[in-house]
């Protein structure tokens, strides 16, 4: 995304390396899936997971989920701001990266 004078810093930091809306949506979906992975499923299900699935879920506390929820919401808020203010204009030909 291109940083303009009206682009807030929090939006630019979220999508500084993202060039398209499709890329931003992929980032949001990846963050949402990782947030679901970060839930302590074994604790939530009271150890009901069998021995084949349980070892794949390595997280035993809420610390990662507590961090990932605000990050995902930040990305969503940044996408909404960018959509509302036409922030997905293509980079002009010859513009420096």
N, C-alpha and C. Protein backbone atom coordinates (compact mmCIF):
# COMPACT_ATOMS: atom_id res chain seq x y z
N UNK A 1 0.84 -1.17 0.00
CA UNK A 1 0.00 0.00 0.00
C UNK A 1 0.88 1.23 0.00
N UNK A 2 0.38 2.26 -0.58
CA UNK A 2 1.13 3.50 -0.67
C UNK A 2 0.79 4.38 0.52
N UNK A 3 1.81 4.93 1.17
CA UNK A 3 1.60 5.83 2.31
C UNK A 3 1.34 7.23 1.77
N UNK A 4 0.18 7.75 2.10
CA UNK A 4 -0.16 9.12 1.74
C UNK A 4 -0.20 9.96 3.00
N UNK A 5 -0.44 11.24 2.85
CA UNK A 5 -0.48 12.11 4.03
C UNK A 5 -1.65 11.78 4.95
N UNK A 6 -2.74 11.29 4.37
CA UNK A 6 -3.91 11.02 5.22
C UNK A 6 -3.96 9.59 5.75
N UNK A 7 -3.02 8.74 5.34
CA UNK A 7 -2.98 7.38 5.86
C UNK A 7 -2.44 7.39 7.28
N UNK A 8 -3.23 6.92 8.25
CA UNK A 8 -2.72 6.87 9.62
C UNK A 8 -1.58 5.86 9.76
N UNK A 9 -0.74 6.08 10.72
CA UNK A 9 0.41 5.19 10.93
C UNK A 9 -0.04 3.77 11.24
N UNK A 10 -1.11 3.62 12.02
CA UNK A 10 -1.56 2.28 12.41
C UNK A 10 -2.04 1.48 11.20
N UNK A 11 -2.59 2.13 10.19
CA UNK A 11 -3.00 1.45 8.96
C UNK A 11 -1.78 1.11 8.12
N UNK A 12 -0.87 2.05 8.01
CA UNK A 12 0.33 1.81 7.21
C UNK A 12 1.17 0.68 7.79
N UNK A 13 1.29 0.62 9.11
CA UNK A 13 2.06 -0.46 9.74
C UNK A 13 1.42 -1.82 9.52
N UNK A 14 0.11 -1.87 9.45
CA UNK A 14 -0.57 -3.14 9.23
C UNK A 14 -0.32 -3.67 7.82
N UNK A 15 -0.34 -2.79 6.83
CA UNK A 15 -0.28 -3.23 5.44
C UNK A 15 0.90 -2.65 4.68
N UNK A 16 2.00 -2.35 5.33
CA UNK A 16 3.13 -1.71 4.64
C UNK A 16 3.71 -2.60 3.55
N UNK A 17 3.67 -3.90 3.71
CA UNK A 17 4.22 -4.81 2.71
C UNK A 17 3.15 -5.45 1.84
N UNK A 18 1.90 -5.05 2.01
CA UNK A 18 0.79 -5.62 1.25
C UNK A 18 0.42 -4.65 0.13
N UNK A 19 0.37 -5.14 -1.08
CA UNK A 19 0.10 -4.27 -2.23
C UNK A 19 -1.36 -4.26 -2.66
N UNK A 20 -2.10 -5.34 -2.36
CA UNK A 20 -3.47 -5.45 -2.87
C UNK A 20 -4.44 -5.79 -1.75
N UNK A 21 -5.71 -5.57 -2.03
CA UNK A 21 -6.76 -5.92 -1.08
C UNK A 21 -6.81 -7.43 -0.90
N UNK A 22 -6.59 -8.18 -1.97
CA UNK A 22 -6.58 -9.63 -1.89
C UNK A 22 -5.48 -10.12 -0.93
N UNK A 23 -4.32 -9.49 -0.98
CA UNK A 23 -3.24 -9.84 -0.06
C UNK A 23 -3.61 -9.52 1.38
N UNK A 24 -4.31 -8.40 1.59
CA UNK A 24 -4.75 -8.05 2.94
C UNK A 24 -5.77 -9.05 3.45
N UNK A 25 -6.68 -9.49 2.58
CA UNK A 25 -7.66 -10.50 3.00
C UNK A 25 -6.98 -11.82 3.34
N UNK A 26 -5.97 -12.18 2.58
CA UNK A 26 -5.23 -13.41 2.91
C UNK A 26 -4.54 -13.29 4.26
N UNK A 27 -3.99 -12.13 4.55
CA UNK A 27 -3.36 -11.91 5.85
C UNK A 27 -4.38 -12.02 6.98
N UNK A 28 -5.56 -11.46 6.78
CA UNK A 28 -6.61 -11.52 7.80
C UNK A 28 -7.07 -12.95 8.02
N UNK A 29 -7.28 -13.70 6.93
CA UNK A 29 -7.71 -15.09 7.08
C UNK A 29 -6.62 -15.94 7.75
N UNK A 30 -5.37 -15.71 7.41
CA UNK A 30 -4.28 -16.45 8.06
C UNK A 30 -4.23 -16.12 9.55
N UNK A 31 -4.43 -14.86 9.89
CA UNK A 31 -4.43 -14.45 11.30
C UNK A 31 -5.61 -15.08 12.04
N UNK A 32 -6.77 -15.12 11.40
CA UNK A 32 -7.94 -15.71 12.03
C UNK A 32 -7.75 -17.21 12.26
N UNK A 33 -7.18 -17.90 11.27
CA UNK A 33 -6.93 -19.34 11.44
C UNK A 33 -5.89 -19.60 12.52
N UNK A 34 -4.84 -18.78 12.54
CA UNK A 34 -3.83 -18.95 13.58
C UNK A 34 -4.40 -18.64 14.96
N UNK A 35 -5.33 -17.69 15.03
CA UNK A 35 -5.99 -17.39 16.29
C UNK A 35 -6.76 -18.61 16.79
N UNK A 36 -7.46 -19.28 15.88
CA UNK A 36 -8.19 -20.50 16.27
C UNK A 36 -7.22 -21.60 16.71
N UNK A 37 -6.10 -21.71 16.03
CA UNK A 37 -5.10 -22.70 16.43
C UNK A 37 -4.54 -22.39 17.81
N UNK A 38 -4.44 -21.11 18.15
CA UNK A 38 -3.82 -20.69 19.41
C UNK A 38 -4.71 -20.90 20.63
N UNK A 39 -5.95 -21.26 20.42
CA UNK A 39 -6.80 -21.55 21.57
C UNK A 39 -6.30 -22.83 22.24
N UNK A 40 -6.33 -22.89 23.55
CA UNK A 40 -5.88 -24.11 24.25
C UNK A 40 -6.95 -25.20 24.17
N UNK A 41 -7.05 -25.85 23.02
CA UNK A 41 -8.12 -26.82 22.76
C UNK A 41 -8.11 -27.97 23.74
N UNK A 42 -6.95 -28.44 24.12
CA UNK A 42 -6.89 -29.57 25.04
C UNK A 42 -7.48 -29.19 26.40
N UNK A 43 -7.25 -27.97 26.84
CA UNK A 43 -7.84 -27.51 28.10
C UNK A 43 -9.34 -27.27 27.96
N UNK A 44 -9.75 -26.71 26.82
CA UNK A 44 -11.16 -26.43 26.60
C UNK A 44 -12.01 -27.70 26.53
N UNK A 45 -11.44 -28.74 25.96
CA UNK A 45 -12.17 -29.99 25.81
C UNK A 45 -11.86 -30.98 26.93
N UNK A 46 -11.25 -30.51 27.99
CA UNK A 46 -10.93 -31.31 29.18
C UNK A 46 -10.17 -32.59 28.84
N UNK A 47 -9.19 -32.47 27.96
CA UNK A 47 -8.35 -33.61 27.62
C UNK A 47 -9.06 -34.67 26.81
N UNK A 48 -10.15 -34.33 26.14
CA UNK A 48 -10.92 -35.31 25.38
C UNK A 48 -10.29 -35.67 24.04
N UNK A 49 -9.26 -34.95 23.64
CA UNK A 49 -8.61 -35.25 22.37
C UNK A 49 -7.77 -36.52 22.51
N UNK A 50 -7.82 -37.37 21.49
CA UNK A 50 -7.06 -38.62 21.57
C UNK A 50 -5.57 -38.36 21.35
N UNK A 51 -4.78 -39.40 21.44
CA UNK A 51 -3.32 -39.27 21.36
C UNK A 51 -2.82 -38.90 19.98
N UNK A 52 -3.63 -39.04 18.94
CA UNK A 52 -3.15 -38.69 17.61
C UNK A 52 -3.31 -37.20 17.31
N UNK A 53 -4.32 -36.56 17.88
CA UNK A 53 -4.57 -35.14 17.62
C UNK A 53 -3.97 -34.26 18.72
N UNK A 54 -4.02 -34.69 19.94
CA UNK A 54 -3.55 -33.91 21.08
C UNK A 54 -2.14 -33.36 20.95
N UNK A 55 -1.16 -34.15 20.50
CA UNK A 55 0.20 -33.62 20.37
C UNK A 55 0.36 -32.54 19.31
N UNK A 56 -0.55 -32.45 18.34
CA UNK A 56 -0.48 -31.41 17.32
C UNK A 56 -0.85 -30.04 17.86
N UNK A 57 -1.63 -30.02 18.92
CA UNK A 57 -2.07 -28.77 19.53
C UNK A 57 -1.16 -28.47 20.71
N UNK A 58 -0.13 -27.69 20.46
CA UNK A 58 0.95 -27.50 21.43
C UNK A 58 0.68 -26.43 22.47
N UNK A 59 -0.37 -25.65 22.31
CA UNK A 59 -0.58 -24.49 23.18
C UNK A 59 -1.44 -24.89 24.36
N UNK A 60 -0.96 -24.57 25.57
CA UNK A 60 -1.66 -24.96 26.78
C UNK A 60 -2.21 -23.79 27.58
N UNK A 61 -1.98 -22.57 27.13
CA UNK A 61 -2.50 -21.41 27.87
C UNK A 61 -3.11 -20.41 26.89
N UNK A 62 -3.62 -19.32 27.43
CA UNK A 62 -4.35 -18.34 26.63
C UNK A 62 -3.47 -17.19 26.12
N UNK A 63 -2.18 -17.23 26.38
CA UNK A 63 -1.34 -16.08 26.05
C UNK A 63 -1.29 -15.79 24.54
N UNK A 64 -1.15 -16.81 23.71
CA UNK A 64 -1.10 -16.58 22.27
C UNK A 64 -2.45 -16.11 21.73
N UNK A 65 -3.51 -16.70 22.20
CA UNK A 65 -4.84 -16.29 21.75
C UNK A 65 -5.13 -14.86 22.19
N UNK A 66 -4.69 -14.51 23.39
CA UNK A 66 -4.91 -13.15 23.90
C UNK A 66 -4.15 -12.12 23.06
N UNK A 67 -3.07 -12.52 22.42
CA UNK A 67 -2.33 -11.62 21.55
C UNK A 67 -2.91 -11.61 20.14
N UNK A 68 -3.33 -12.75 19.64
CA UNK A 68 -3.77 -12.86 18.26
C UNK A 68 -5.14 -12.22 18.00
N UNK A 69 -6.01 -12.22 18.98
CA UNK A 69 -7.33 -11.61 18.78
C UNK A 69 -7.21 -10.11 18.50
N UNK A 70 -6.47 -9.33 19.31
CA UNK A 70 -6.33 -7.91 18.97
C UNK A 70 -5.59 -7.66 17.65
N UNK A 71 -4.62 -8.49 17.32
CA UNK A 71 -3.89 -8.32 16.06
C UNK A 71 -4.84 -8.53 14.88
N UNK A 72 -5.66 -9.56 14.94
CA UNK A 72 -6.62 -9.82 13.87
C UNK A 72 -7.63 -8.69 13.75
N UNK A 73 -8.10 -8.18 14.89
CA UNK A 73 -9.04 -7.06 14.86
C UNK A 73 -8.37 -5.80 14.31
N UNK A 74 -7.09 -5.61 14.59
CA UNK A 74 -6.34 -4.48 14.04
C UNK A 74 -6.28 -4.57 12.52
N UNK A 75 -6.01 -5.77 12.00
CA UNK A 75 -5.97 -5.95 10.55
C UNK A 75 -7.34 -5.67 9.93
N UNK A 76 -8.39 -6.13 10.57
CA UNK A 76 -9.74 -5.90 10.06
C UNK A 76 -10.06 -4.41 10.06
N UNK A 77 -9.74 -3.72 11.14
CA UNK A 77 -9.98 -2.27 11.21
C UNK A 77 -9.16 -1.53 10.17
N UNK A 78 -7.94 -1.97 9.93
CA UNK A 78 -7.10 -1.33 8.91
C UNK A 78 -7.67 -1.56 7.52
N UNK A 79 -8.18 -2.75 7.26
CA UNK A 79 -8.80 -3.03 5.97
C UNK A 79 -10.03 -2.16 5.76
N UNK A 80 -10.85 -2.03 6.79
CA UNK A 80 -12.04 -1.18 6.67
C UNK A 80 -11.66 0.26 6.40
N UNK A 81 -10.64 0.78 7.10
CA UNK A 81 -10.21 2.17 6.86
C UNK A 81 -9.70 2.31 5.43
N UNK A 82 -8.90 1.37 4.99
CA UNK A 82 -8.33 1.45 3.65
C UNK A 82 -9.42 1.37 2.58
N UNK A 83 -10.39 0.50 2.77
CA UNK A 83 -11.50 0.41 1.82
C UNK A 83 -12.31 1.71 1.78
N UNK A 84 -12.53 2.27 2.93
CA UNK A 84 -13.35 3.48 3.03
C UNK A 84 -12.66 4.69 2.41
N UNK A 85 -11.34 4.72 2.44
CA UNK A 85 -10.58 5.88 1.96
C UNK A 85 -9.82 5.60 0.67
N UNK A 86 -10.26 4.62 -0.10
CA UNK A 86 -9.65 4.29 -1.40
C UNK A 86 -8.14 4.15 -1.32
N UNK A 87 -7.68 3.34 -0.39
CA UNK A 87 -6.25 3.17 -0.19
C UNK A 87 -5.61 2.12 -1.07
N UNK A 88 -6.39 1.45 -1.91
CA UNK A 88 -5.84 0.38 -2.74
C UNK A 88 -5.55 0.85 -4.16
N UNK A 89 -5.16 2.10 -4.32
CA UNK A 89 -4.80 2.58 -5.64
C UNK A 89 -3.48 1.94 -6.06
N UNK A 90 -3.34 1.60 -7.34
CA UNK A 90 -2.08 0.98 -7.78
C UNK A 90 -0.93 1.97 -7.72
N UNK A 91 0.24 1.43 -7.50
CA UNK A 91 1.46 2.25 -7.45
C UNK A 91 1.72 2.82 -8.85
N UNK A 92 2.00 4.11 -8.94
CA UNK A 92 2.27 4.70 -10.25
C UNK A 92 3.52 4.07 -10.89
N UNK A 93 3.51 4.00 -12.20
CA UNK A 93 4.65 3.44 -12.94
C UNK A 93 5.87 4.30 -12.66
N UNK A 94 6.98 3.66 -12.32
CA UNK A 94 8.21 4.37 -12.07
C UNK A 94 8.36 4.87 -10.64
N UNK A 95 7.36 4.63 -9.80
CA UNK A 95 7.45 5.07 -8.40
C UNK A 95 8.45 4.20 -7.65
N UNK A 96 9.17 4.82 -6.74
CA UNK A 96 10.13 4.08 -5.94
C UNK A 96 9.40 3.23 -4.93
N UNK A 97 9.99 2.09 -4.63
CA UNK A 97 9.39 1.17 -3.66
C UNK A 97 9.80 1.52 -2.27
